[in-house]
Amino acid sequence: MLGEFDLVEPTSVAEASEVLARHGDAARIYAGGTELILAMKEGLIRYDYLVNVKTIPGLAGVRVNDDGTLRIGGATSHRALERDPLVRERFPVIARMESDVANVRVREVGTLGGNLCFAEPHADPGTLLMLFDATVRIERKGGARTIPLEQLFVGPFETCLEPDEVLTEIVVPPLPVHSGSAYLKFGFLERPSVGVGVAVTTDDGRVREARIAVGCVGPVPRRMREAEAALAGQTAAESRNTLAEAGRIAARASDAITDLHGSADYKEHLVGVLLRRAFEQALASSDGSGAP
């Protein structure tokens, strides 16, 4: 049963930061509440104050800079990203991923910033956005900082945010020209058991760069740079022969854990399977050089 709490509706980031600083551990940001309210109903966590950042003007919305960089307000809903024409045109893999987050009720009210800050291990957005070298802007009263998305996640349900900080924007640079990307996941429950994202950049029939991110299998999503290095510089045919080893490298580095979503061994096996499939999709869509 949901206990009593005060809902604070600030009109600025500075005001939200002040409230969070004043109440400390008794306060928590509310950015849609699809995970937070459920945990509170189950009695897993309790807060006396919820700070609704969705009331802050300008904190929701999507725009694309002249250089192609996608800028997403922290309070932008999954549904808005799924349906936004610019996202669907310039970043279709993000739109597709968002269209498969949970269910339509969650997508209507849940926000990207809330999803990232809740740091649920079995979540899709953080994994995929790492492929783009995304950064996040974090603000508090009197200051701001920008960090790589990778640094946001510290552990399950834990981020590097200070108690009075608010994630205000996600910045997603475009992939290089002649790039293709894919995100695949598997799960037999509502949340995914394994998620693998791959981006491939080709040049004259070779893999100039490969980016691999794995999530949902361990405590936090991770970029797999050792596996990426194993594929870079190869022809399409050579890379296919290396995919099995790249999959093993990524599986070991994912820190897979056994939980109700599957055993660690099973998740590691799926990392290799999904990496191979996602790589083939990304390669084929890069510039056609990966087509059989």
C-alpha atoms as a PDB file:
ATOM      1  CA  MET A   1       0.000   0.000   0.000  1.00  0.00           C
ATOM      2  CA  LEU A   2       1.268   3.452  -0.905  1.00  0.00           C
ATOM      3  CA  GLY A   3       2.023   5.564   2.158  1.00  0.00           C
ATOM      4  CA  GLU A   4       1.510   9.285   2.528  1.00  0.00           C
ATOM      5  CA  PHE A   5       3.949  11.759   0.979  1.00  0.00           C
ATOM      6  CA  ASP A   6       4.061  15.381  -0.122  1.00  0.00           C
ATOM      7  CA  LEU A   7       4.214  16.047  -3.858  1.00  0.00           C
ATOM      8  CA  VAL A   8       6.344  19.100  -4.604  1.00  0.00           C
ATOM      9  CA  GLU A   9       5.975  20.702  -8.035  1.00  0.00           C
ATOM     10  CA  PRO A  10       8.876  23.093  -8.676  1.00  0.00           C
ATOM     11  CA  THR A  11       8.987  25.507 -11.606  1.00  0.00           C
ATOM     12  CA  SER A  12      12.769  25.494 -12.052  1.00  0.00           C
ATOM     13  CA  VAL A  13      15.734  23.166 -11.677  1.00  0.00           C
ATOM     14  CA  ALA A  14      17.146  25.459  -8.981  1.00  0.00           C
ATOM     15  CA  GLU A  15      13.924  25.143  -6.974  1.00  0.00           C
ATOM     16  CA  ALA A  16      13.920  21.367  -7.352  1.00  0.00           C
ATOM     17  CA  SER A  17      17.550  21.250  -6.261  1.00  0.00           C
ATOM     18  CA  GLU A  18      16.759  23.345  -3.186  1.00  0.00           C
ATOM     19  CA  VAL A  19      13.978  20.980  -2.125  1.00  0.00           C
ATOM     20  CA  LEU A  20      16.166  17.917  -2.619  1.00  0.00           C
ATOM     21  CA  ALA A  21      19.004  19.491  -0.630  1.00  0.00           C
ATOM     22  CA  ARG A  22      16.668  20.550   2.181  1.00  0.00           C
ATOM     23  CA  HIS A  23      15.069  17.128   2.696  1.00  0.00           C
ATOM     24  CA  GLY A  24      18.016  14.862   1.873  1.00  0.00           C
ATOM     25  CA  ASP A  25      17.225  11.154   1.937  1.00  0.00           C
ATOM     26  CA  ALA A  26      13.553  11.870   2.641  1.00  0.00           C
ATOM     27  CA  ALA A  27      13.082  13.270  -0.892  1.00  0.00           C
ATOM     28  CA  ARG A  28      13.276  11.724  -4.337  1.00  0.00           C
ATOM     29  CA  ILE A  29      12.803  13.023  -7.867  1.00  0.00           C
ATOM     30  CA  TYR A  30       9.540  11.994  -9.510  1.00  0.00           C
ATOM     31  CA  ALA A  31       9.809  11.901 -13.313  1.00  0.00           C
ATOM     32  CA  GLY A  32       6.923   9.636 -14.265  1.00  0.00           C
ATOM     33  CA  GLY A  33       7.040   7.211 -11.378  1.00  0.00           C
ATOM     34  CA  THR A  34       6.481   3.985 -13.296  1.00  0.00           C
ATOM     35  CA  GLU A  35       9.231   2.238 -11.324  1.00  0.00           C
ATOM     36  CA  LEU A  36       9.359   4.488  -8.266  1.00  0.00           C
ATOM     37  CA  ILE A  37       5.681   4.286  -7.291  1.00  0.00           C
ATOM     38  CA  LEU A  38       5.644   0.520  -7.769  1.00  0.00           C
ATOM     39  CA  ALA A  39       8.628   0.129  -5.424  1.00  0.00           C
ATOM     40  CA  MET A  40       6.952   2.421  -2.890  1.00  0.00           C
ATOM     41  CA  LYS A  41       3.704   0.434  -3.077  1.00  0.00           C
ATOM     42  CA  GLU A  42       5.655  -2.746  -2.386  1.00  0.00           C
ATOM     43  CA  GLY A  43       7.225  -1.127   0.667  1.00  0.00           C
ATOM     44  CA  LEU A  44      10.731  -1.487  -0.726  1.00  0.00           C
ATOM     45  CA  ILE A  45      11.458   2.244  -0.375  1.00  0.00           C
ATOM     46  CA  ARG A  46       9.794   5.196   1.327  1.00  0.00           C
ATOM     47  CA  TYR A  47      10.016   8.950   0.782  1.00  0.00           C
ATOM     48  CA  ASP A  48       8.254  11.808   2.517  1.00  0.00           C
ATOM     49  CA  TYR A  49       8.641  14.105  -0.491  1.00  0.00           C
ATOM     50  CA  LEU A  50       8.456  13.457  -4.210  1.00  0.00           C
ATOM     51  CA  VAL A  51       9.765  16.272  -6.401  1.00  0.00           C
ATOM     52  CA  ASN A  52       7.882  16.282  -9.703  1.00  0.00           C
ATOM     53  CA  VAL A  53      10.353  17.555 -12.302  1.00  0.00           C
ATOM     54  CA  LYS A  54       7.776  17.148 -15.091  1.00  0.00           C
ATOM     55  CA  THR A  55       6.341  20.523 -13.996  1.00  0.00           C
ATOM     56  CA  ILE A  56       9.586  22.348 -14.866  1.00  0.00           C
ATOM     57  CA  PRO A  57       9.210  24.284 -18.139  1.00  0.00           C
ATOM     58  CA  GLY A  58      11.630  23.258 -20.880  1.00  0.00           C
ATOM     59  CA  LEU A  59      12.669  19.983 -19.281  1.00  0.00           C
ATOM     60  CA  ALA A  60      10.786  17.916 -21.863  1.00  0.00           C
ATOM     61  CA  GLY A  61      11.250  17.981 -25.605  1.00  0.00           C
ATOM     62  CA  VAL A  62      13.421  16.883 -28.505  1.00  0.00           C
ATOM     63  CA  ARG A  63      15.547  18.881 -30.917  1.00  0.00           C
ATOM     64  CA  VAL A  64      18.328  18.207 -33.412  1.00  0.00           C
ATOM     65  CA  ASN A  65      21.250  20.615 -33.780  1.00  0.00           C
ATOM     66  CA  ASP A  66      22.679  21.666 -37.141  1.00  0.00           C
ATOM     67  CA  ASP A  67      25.493  19.133 -36.661  1.00  0.00           C
ATOM     68  CA  GLY A  68      22.953  16.325 -36.270  1.00  0.00           C
ATOM     69  CA  THR A  69      23.257  15.990 -32.491  1.00  0.00           C
ATOM     70  CA  LEU A  70      20.046  14.864 -30.808  1.00  0.00           C
ATOM     71  CA  ARG A  71      19.187  16.675 -27.571  1.00  0.00           C
ATOM     72  CA  ILE A  72      16.541  15.108 -25.356  1.00  0.00           C
ATOM     73  CA  GLY A  73      15.077  16.815 -22.295  1.00  0.00           C
ATOM     74  CA  GLY A  74      15.279  14.675 -19.182  1.00  0.00           C
ATOM     75  CA  ALA A  75      11.486  14.717 -18.695  1.00  0.00           C
ATOM     76  CA  THR A  76      10.732  13.575 -22.262  1.00  0.00           C
ATOM     77  CA  SER A  77       8.481  10.519 -22.271  1.00  0.00           C
ATOM     78  CA  HIS A  78       9.318   7.260 -24.019  1.00  0.00           C
ATOM     79  CA  ARG A  79       6.167   7.663 -26.087  1.00  0.00           C
ATOM     80  CA  ALA A  80       7.249  11.096 -27.297  1.00  0.00           C
ATOM     81  CA  LEU A  81      10.599   9.699 -28.442  1.00  0.00           C
ATOM     82  CA  GLU A  82       8.950   6.720 -30.082  1.00  0.00           C
ATOM     83  CA  ARG A  83       6.694   9.003 -32.152  1.00  0.00           C
ATOM     84  CA  ASP A  84       8.910  12.028 -32.782  1.00  0.00           C
ATOM     85  CA  PRO A  85       9.444  12.537 -36.548  1.00  0.00           C
ATOM     86  CA  LEU A  86      13.047  13.738 -36.167  1.00  0.00           C
ATOM     87  CA  VAL A  87      14.011  10.777 -33.977  1.00  0.00           C
ATOM     88  CA  ARG A  88      12.353   8.349 -36.382  1.00  0.00           C
ATOM     89  CA  GLU A  89      14.170   9.906 -39.334  1.00  0.00           C
ATOM     90  CA  ARG A  90      17.634  10.598 -37.894  1.00  0.00           C
ATOM     91  CA  PHE A  91      17.867   7.984 -35.107  1.00  0.00           C
ATOM     92  CA  PRO A  92      15.477   5.182 -36.133  1.00  0.00           C
ATOM     93  CA  VAL A  93      17.138   2.608 -33.883  1.00  0.00           C
ATOM     94  CA  ILE A  94      16.280   4.771 -30.858  1.00  0.00           C
ATOM     95  CA  ALA A  95      12.657   5.142 -31.975  1.00  0.00           C
ATOM     96  CA  ARG A  96      12.374   1.370 -32.463  1.00  0.00           C
ATOM     97  CA  MET A  97      13.899   0.658 -29.071  1.00  0.00           C
ATOM     98  CA  GLU A  98      11.543   3.132 -27.383  1.00  0.00           C
ATOM     99  CA  SER A  99       8.518   1.562 -29.099  1.00  0.00           C
ATOM    100  CA  ASP A 100       9.335  -1.703 -27.319  1.00  0.00           C
ATOM    101  CA  VAL A 101       9.908  -0.341 -23.813  1.00  0.00           C
ATOM    102  CA  ALA A 102       7.542  -2.084 -21.361  1.00  0.00           C
ATOM    103  CA  ASN A 103       3.968  -1.270 -22.491  1.00  0.00           C
ATOM    104  CA  VAL A 104       2.154   1.732 -23.869  1.00  0.00           C
ATOM    105  CA  ARG A 105       0.936   2.864 -20.430  1.00  0.00           C
ATOM    106  CA  VAL A 106       4.510   2.997 -19.150  1.00  0.00           C
ATOM    107  CA  ARG A 107       5.731   4.720 -22.314  1.00  0.00           C
ATOM    108  CA  GLU A 108       3.080   7.438 -22.029  1.00  0.00           C
ATOM    109  CA  VAL A 109       4.131   8.559 -18.530  1.00  0.00           C
ATOM    110  CA  GLY A 110       7.645   7.185 -18.040  1.00  0.00           C
ATOM    111  CA  THR A 111      10.537   9.454 -19.023  1.00  0.00           C
ATOM    112  CA  LEU A 112      13.965   8.791 -20.449  1.00  0.00           C
ATOM    113  CA  GLY A 113      15.674  10.730 -17.668  1.00  0.00           C
ATOM    114  CA  GLY A 114      13.695   8.875 -15.034  1.00  0.00           C
ATOM    115  CA  ASN A 115      14.582   5.542 -16.589  1.00  0.00           C
ATOM    116  CA  LEU A 116      18.296   6.342 -16.615  1.00  0.00           C
ATOM    117  CA  CYS A 117      18.339   7.720 -13.080  1.00  0.00           C
ATOM    118  CA  PHE A 118      16.399   4.811 -11.591  1.00  0.00           C
ATOM    119  CA  ALA A 119      19.201   2.589 -12.961  1.00  0.00           C
ATOM    120  CA  GLU A 120      17.079  -0.546 -13.155  1.00  0.00           C
ATOM    121  CA  PRO A 121      19.569  -3.181 -14.404  1.00  0.00           C
ATOM    122  CA  HIS A 122      17.013  -4.721 -16.784  1.00  0.00           C
ATOM    123  CA  ALA A 123      16.350  -1.635 -18.922  1.00  0.00           C
ATOM    124  CA  ASP A 124      16.989  -0.915 -22.593  1.00  0.00           C
ATOM    125  CA  PRO A 125      17.711   2.829 -23.073  1.00  0.00           C
ATOM    126  CA  GLY A 126      21.046   3.088 -21.273  1.00  0.00           C
ATOM    127  CA  THR A 127      22.525   0.207 -23.248  1.00  0.00           C
ATOM    128  CA  LEU A 128      21.550   1.522 -26.660  1.00  0.00           C
ATOM    129  CA  LEU A 129      22.499   5.140 -25.968  1.00  0.00           C
ATOM    130  CA  MET A 130      26.032   4.074 -25.066  1.00  0.00           C
ATOM    131  CA  LEU A 131      26.562   3.166 -28.729  1.00  0.00           C
ATOM    132  CA  PHE A 132      26.282   6.852 -29.589  1.00  0.00           C
ATOM    133  CA  ASP A 133      28.764   8.031 -26.930  1.00  0.00           C
ATOM    134  CA  ALA A 134      25.850   9.879 -25.350  1.00  0.00           C
ATOM    135  CA  THR A 135      26.428  12.338 -22.523  1.00  0.00           C
ATOM    136  CA  VAL A 136      24.099  13.646 -19.833  1.00  0.00           C
ATOM    137  CA  ARG A 137      23.829  17.153 -18.427  1.00  0.00           C
ATOM    138  CA  ILE A 138      23.351  17.277 -14.665  1.00  0.00           C
ATOM    139  CA  GLU A 139      22.312  20.455 -12.880  1.00  0.00           C
ATOM    140  CA  ARG A 140      21.934  21.703  -9.340  1.00  0.00           C
ATOM    141  CA  LYS A 141      21.360  25.133  -7.870  1.00  0.00           C
ATOM    142  CA  GLY A 142      24.472  27.137  -8.718  1.00  0.00           C
ATOM    143  CA  GLY A 143      26.182  24.651 -10.997  1.00  0.00           C
ATOM    144  CA  ALA A 144      26.095  22.067 -13.773  1.00  0.00           C
ATOM    145  CA  ARG A 145      28.265  19.310 -15.202  1.00  0.00           C
ATOM    146  CA  THR A 146      28.251  17.048 -18.254  1.00  0.00           C
ATOM    147  CA  ILE A 147      29.446  13.445 -18.050  1.00  0.00           C
ATOM    148  CA  PRO A 148      29.524  10.433 -20.385  1.00  0.00           C
ATOM    149  CA  LEU A 149      26.430   8.301 -19.932  1.00  0.00           C
ATOM    150  CA  GLU A 150      28.664   5.372 -19.025  1.00  0.00           C
ATOM    151  CA  GLN A 151      29.752   7.178 -15.871  1.00  0.00           C
ATOM    152  CA  LEU A 152      26.187   7.732 -14.682  1.00  0.00           C
ATOM    153  CA  PHE A 153      25.657   4.102 -13.689  1.00  0.00           C
ATOM    154  CA  VAL A 154      27.403   3.004 -10.494  1.00  0.00           C
ATOM    155  CA  GLY A 155      25.466  -0.161  -9.648  1.00  0.00           C
ATOM    156  CA  PRO A 156      21.964  -1.640  -9.588  1.00  0.00           C
ATOM    157  CA  PHE A 157      19.535   1.226  -8.827  1.00  0.00           C
ATOM    158  CA  GLU A 158      22.501   3.509  -8.112  1.00  0.00           C
ATOM    159  CA  THR A 159      23.913   6.451 -10.067  1.00  0.00           C
ATOM    160  CA  CYS A 160      26.647   9.017  -9.502  1.00  0.00           C
ATOM    161  CA  LEU A 161      24.131  11.854  -8.973  1.00  0.00           C
ATOM    162  CA  GLU A 162      24.475  13.886  -5.802  1.00  0.00           C
ATOM    163  CA  PRO A 163      21.300  14.179  -3.693  1.00  0.00           C
ATOM    164  CA  ASP A 164      20.484  17.679  -4.979  1.00  0.00           C
ATOM    165  CA  GLU A 165      21.275  17.072  -8.670  1.00  0.00           C
ATOM    166  CA  VAL A 166      18.814  16.735 -11.539  1.00  0.00           C
ATOM    167  CA  LEU A 167      19.499  15.096 -14.900  1.00  0.00           C
ATOM    168  CA  THR A 168      18.210  17.726 -17.314  1.00  0.00           C
ATOM    169  CA  GLU A 169      19.332  16.590 -20.783  1.00  0.00           C
ATOM    170  CA  ILE A 170      20.615  13.627 -22.750  1.00  0.00           C
ATOM    171  CA  VAL A 171      22.902  14.554 -25.667  1.00  0.00           C
ATOM    172  CA  VAL A 172      23.239  11.984 -28.447  1.00  0.00           C
ATOM    173  CA  PRO A 173      25.798  12.636 -31.222  1.00  0.00           C
ATOM    174  CA  PRO A 174      25.080  11.068 -34.618  1.00  0.00           C
ATOM    175  CA  LEU A 175      27.025   8.024 -35.735  1.00  0.00           C
ATOM    176  CA  PRO A 176      29.697   8.592 -38.421  1.00  0.00           C
ATOM    177  CA  VAL A 177      28.702   8.381 -42.086  1.00  0.00           C
ATOM    178  CA  HIS A 178      28.404   4.877 -43.528  1.00  0.00           C
ATOM    179  CA  SER A 179      27.200   3.557 -40.176  1.00  0.00           C
ATOM    180  CA  GLY A 180      24.460   1.114 -39.330  1.00  0.00           C
ATOM    181  CA  SER A 181      23.102   0.135 -35.934  1.00  0.00           C
ATOM    182  CA  ALA A 182      20.867  -2.454 -34.320  1.00  0.00           C
ATOM    183  CA  TYR A 183      19.545  -3.262 -30.867  1.00  0.00           C
ATOM    184  CA  LEU A 184      18.274  -6.730 -30.002  1.00  0.00           C
ATOM    185  CA  LYS A 185      16.991  -8.126 -26.743  1.00  0.00           C
ATOM    186  CA  PHE A 186      15.564 -11.301 -25.305  1.00  0.00           C
ATOM    187  CA  GLY A 187      13.388 -11.890 -22.283  1.00  0.00           C
ATOM    188  CA  PHE A 188      10.607 -14.131 -21.087  1.00  0.00           C
ATOM    189  CA  LEU A 189       9.400 -11.627 -18.470  1.00  0.00           C
ATOM    190  CA  GLU A 190       8.324  -8.008 -19.004  1.00  0.00           C
ATOM    191  CA  ARG A 191      11.890  -6.802 -18.499  1.00  0.00           C
ATOM    192  CA  PRO A 192      14.631  -8.035 -20.836  1.00  0.00           C
ATOM    193  CA  SER A 193      17.096 -10.705 -19.749  1.00  0.00           C
ATOM    194  CA  VAL A 194      19.740  -9.602 -22.262  1.00  0.00           C
ATOM    195  CA  GLY A 195      20.115  -6.523 -24.460  1.00  0.00           C
ATOM    196  CA  VAL A 196      22.839  -6.045 -27.071  1.00  0.00           C
ATOM    197  CA  GLY A 197      23.447  -2.970 -29.208  1.00  0.00           C
ATOM    198  CA  VAL A 198      25.871  -2.850 -32.129  1.00  0.00           C
ATOM    199  CA  ALA A 199      26.939  -0.001 -34.415  1.00  0.00           C
ATOM    200  CA  VAL A 200      29.193  -0.586 -37.408  1.00  0.00           C
ATOM    201  CA  THR A 201      30.987   2.003 -39.538  1.00  0.00           C
ATOM    202  CA  THR A 202      32.361   0.794 -42.857  1.00  0.00           C
ATOM    203  CA  ASP A 203      34.964   2.203 -45.207  1.00  0.00           C
ATOM    204  CA  ASP A 204      35.842   0.648 -48.571  1.00  0.00           C
ATOM    205  CA  GLY A 205      34.454  -2.739 -47.602  1.00  0.00           C
ATOM    206  CA  ARG A 206      36.103  -2.846 -44.192  1.00  0.00           C
ATOM    207  CA  VAL A 207      34.816  -2.369 -40.668  1.00  0.00           C
ATOM    208  CA  ARG A 208      36.392   0.948 -39.759  1.00  0.00           C
ATOM    209  CA  GLU A 209      34.768   0.975 -36.324  1.00  0.00           C
ATOM    210  CA  ALA A 210      32.548  -1.331 -34.303  1.00  0.00           C
ATOM    211  CA  ARG A 211      30.700  -0.293 -31.162  1.00  0.00           C
ATOM    212  CA  ILE A 212      29.156  -2.859 -28.845  1.00  0.00           C
ATOM    213  CA  ALA A 213      27.085  -2.330 -25.706  1.00  0.00           C
ATOM    214  CA  VAL A 214      25.612  -5.027 -23.473  1.00  0.00           C
ATOM    215  CA  GLY A 215      23.014  -4.540 -20.772  1.00  0.00           C
ATOM    216  CA  CYS A 216      20.407  -6.320 -18.633  1.00  0.00           C
ATOM    217  CA  VAL A 217      22.757  -9.211 -17.811  1.00  0.00           C
ATOM    218  CA  GLY A 218      24.818  -7.662 -15.013  1.00  0.00           C
ATOM    219  CA  PRO A 219      24.720  -4.782 -12.537  1.00  0.00           C
ATOM    220  CA  VAL A 220      25.081  -2.009 -15.148  1.00  0.00           C
ATOM    221  CA  PRO A 221      25.181  -1.655 -18.948  1.00  0.00           C
ATOM    222  CA  ARG A 222      28.667  -1.576 -20.444  1.00  0.00           C
ATOM    223  CA  ARG A 223      30.523  -0.721 -23.633  1.00  0.00           C
ATOM    224  CA  MET A 224      32.584  -3.705 -24.763  1.00  0.00           C
ATOM    225  CA  ARG A 225      35.734  -2.072 -26.103  1.00  0.00           C
ATOM    226  CA  GLU A 226      37.895  -5.183 -26.158  1.00  0.00           C
ATOM    227  CA  ALA A 227      35.292  -6.950 -28.281  1.00  0.00           C
ATOM    228  CA  GLU A 228      35.025  -3.841 -30.482  1.00  0.00           C
ATOM    229  CA  ALA A 229      38.772  -3.861 -31.105  1.00  0.00           C
ATOM    230  CA  ALA A 230      38.607  -7.496 -32.200  1.00  0.00           C
ATOM    231  CA  LEU A 231      36.321  -6.562 -35.111  1.00  0.00           C
ATOM    232  CA  ALA A 232      37.805  -3.254 -36.249  1.00  0.00           C
ATOM    233  CA  GLY A 233      39.772  -3.142 -39.503  1.00  0.00           C
ATOM    234  CA  GLN A 234      38.429  -6.394 -40.914  1.00  0.00           C
ATOM    235  CA  THR A 235      36.495  -7.112 -44.081  1.00  0.00           C
ATOM    236  CA  ALA A 236      32.907  -8.266 -43.763  1.00  0.00           C
ATOM    237  CA  ALA A 237      33.951 -11.878 -44.300  1.00  0.00           C
ATOM    238  CA  GLU A 238      36.807 -11.645 -41.786  1.00  0.00           C
ATOM    239  CA  SER A 239      34.581 -10.033 -39.181  1.00  0.00           C
ATOM    240  CA  ARG A 240      32.085 -12.875 -39.429  1.00  0.00           C
ATOM    241  CA  ASN A 241      34.863 -15.306 -38.563  1.00  0.00           C
ATOM    242  CA  THR A 242      35.751 -13.171 -35.522  1.00  0.00           C
ATOM    243  CA  LEU A 243      32.218 -12.723 -34.183  1.00  0.00           C
ATOM    244  CA  ALA A 244      32.306 -15.836 -32.023  1.00  0.00           C
ATOM    245  CA  GLU A 245      35.423 -14.643 -30.211  1.00  0.00           C
ATOM    246  CA  ALA A 246      34.030 -11.124 -29.906  1.00  0.00           C
ATOM    247  CA  GLY A 247      30.896 -12.628 -28.381  1.00  0.00           C
ATOM    248  CA  ARG A 248      32.920 -14.566 -25.827  1.00  0.00           C
ATOM    249  CA  ILE A 249      34.894 -11.447 -24.907  1.00  0.00           C
ATOM    250  CA  ALA A 250      31.714  -9.391 -24.482  1.00  0.00           C
ATOM    251  CA  ALA A 251      30.018 -12.133 -22.476  1.00  0.00           C
ATOM    252  CA  ARG A 252      32.913 -12.356 -20.017  1.00  0.00           C
ATOM    253  CA  ALA A 253      33.050  -8.584 -19.637  1.00  0.00           C
ATOM    254  CA  SER A 254      29.320  -8.223 -19.021  1.00  0.00           C
ATOM    255  CA  ASP A 255      29.530  -9.429 -15.391  1.00  0.00           C
ATOM    256  CA  ALA A 256      26.466 -11.612 -15.907  1.00  0.00           C
ATOM    257  CA  ILE A 257      24.615 -12.578 -12.749  1.00  0.00           C
ATOM    258  CA  THR A 258      22.123 -15.338 -12.052  1.00  0.00           C
ATOM    259  CA  ASP A 259      18.662 -14.050 -11.175  1.00  0.00           C
ATOM    260  CA  LEU A 260      15.023 -14.744 -12.017  1.00  0.00           C
ATOM    261  CA  HIS A 261      15.751 -13.651 -15.597  1.00  0.00           C
ATOM    262  CA  GLY A 262      18.150 -16.568 -16.139  1.00  0.00           C
ATOM    263  CA  SER A 263      21.460 -18.075 -15.134  1.00  0.00           C
ATOM    264  CA  ALA A 264      24.727 -16.276 -15.744  1.00  0.00           C
ATOM    265  CA  ASP A 265      25.839 -18.988 -18.200  1.00  0.00           C
ATOM    266  CA  TYR A 266      22.604 -18.704 -20.156  1.00  0.00           C
ATOM    267  CA  LYS A 267      22.877 -14.918 -20.366  1.00  0.00           C
ATOM    268  CA  GLU A 268      26.483 -15.143 -21.554  1.00  0.00           C
ATOM    269  CA  HIS A 269      25.421 -17.532 -24.280  1.00  0.00           C
ATOM    270  CA  LEU A 270      22.684 -15.126 -25.378  1.00  0.00           C
ATOM    271  CA  VAL A 271      25.146 -12.219 -25.475  1.00  0.00           C
ATOM    272  CA  GLY A 272      27.076 -14.071 -28.181  1.00  0.00           C
ATOM    273  CA  VAL A 273      23.938 -15.004 -30.118  1.00  0.00           C
ATOM    274  CA  LEU A 274      22.454 -11.503 -30.074  1.00  0.00           C
ATOM    275  CA  LEU A 275      25.802  -9.847 -30.807  1.00  0.00           C
ATOM    276  CA  ARG A 276      26.184 -11.901 -33.973  1.00  0.00           C
ATOM    277  CA  ARG A 277      22.649 -11.108 -35.147  1.00  0.00           C
ATOM    278  CA  ALA A 278      22.874  -7.413 -34.278  1.00  0.00           C
ATOM    279  CA  PHE A 279      26.260  -7.123 -35.987  1.00  0.00           C
ATOM    280  CA  GLU A 280      24.880  -8.618 -39.194  1.00  0.00           C
ATOM    281  CA  GLN A 281      21.934  -6.189 -39.149  1.00  0.00           C
ATOM    282  CA  ALA A 282      24.136  -3.192 -38.455  1.00  0.00           C
ATOM    283  CA  LEU A 283      26.681  -4.189 -41.084  1.00  0.00           C
ATOM    284  CA  ALA A 284      24.011  -4.700 -43.742  1.00  0.00           C
ATOM    285  CA  SER A 285      22.527  -1.260 -43.078  1.00  0.00           C
ATOM    286  CA  SER A 286      25.836   0.615 -42.912  1.00  0.00           C
ATOM    287  CA  ASP A 287      26.304   1.099 -46.661  1.00  0.00           C
ATOM    288  CA  GLY A 288      25.432  -2.219 -48.229  1.00  0.00           C
ATOM    289  CA  SER A 289      28.924  -3.659 -48.029  1.00  0.00           C
ATOM    290  CA  GLY A 290      27.840  -6.227 -45.480  1.00  0.00           C
ATOM    291  CA  ALA A 291      25.129  -7.702 -47.625  1.00  0.00           C
ATOM    292  CA  PRO A 292      25.654 -11.367 -48.520  1.00  0.00           C
END
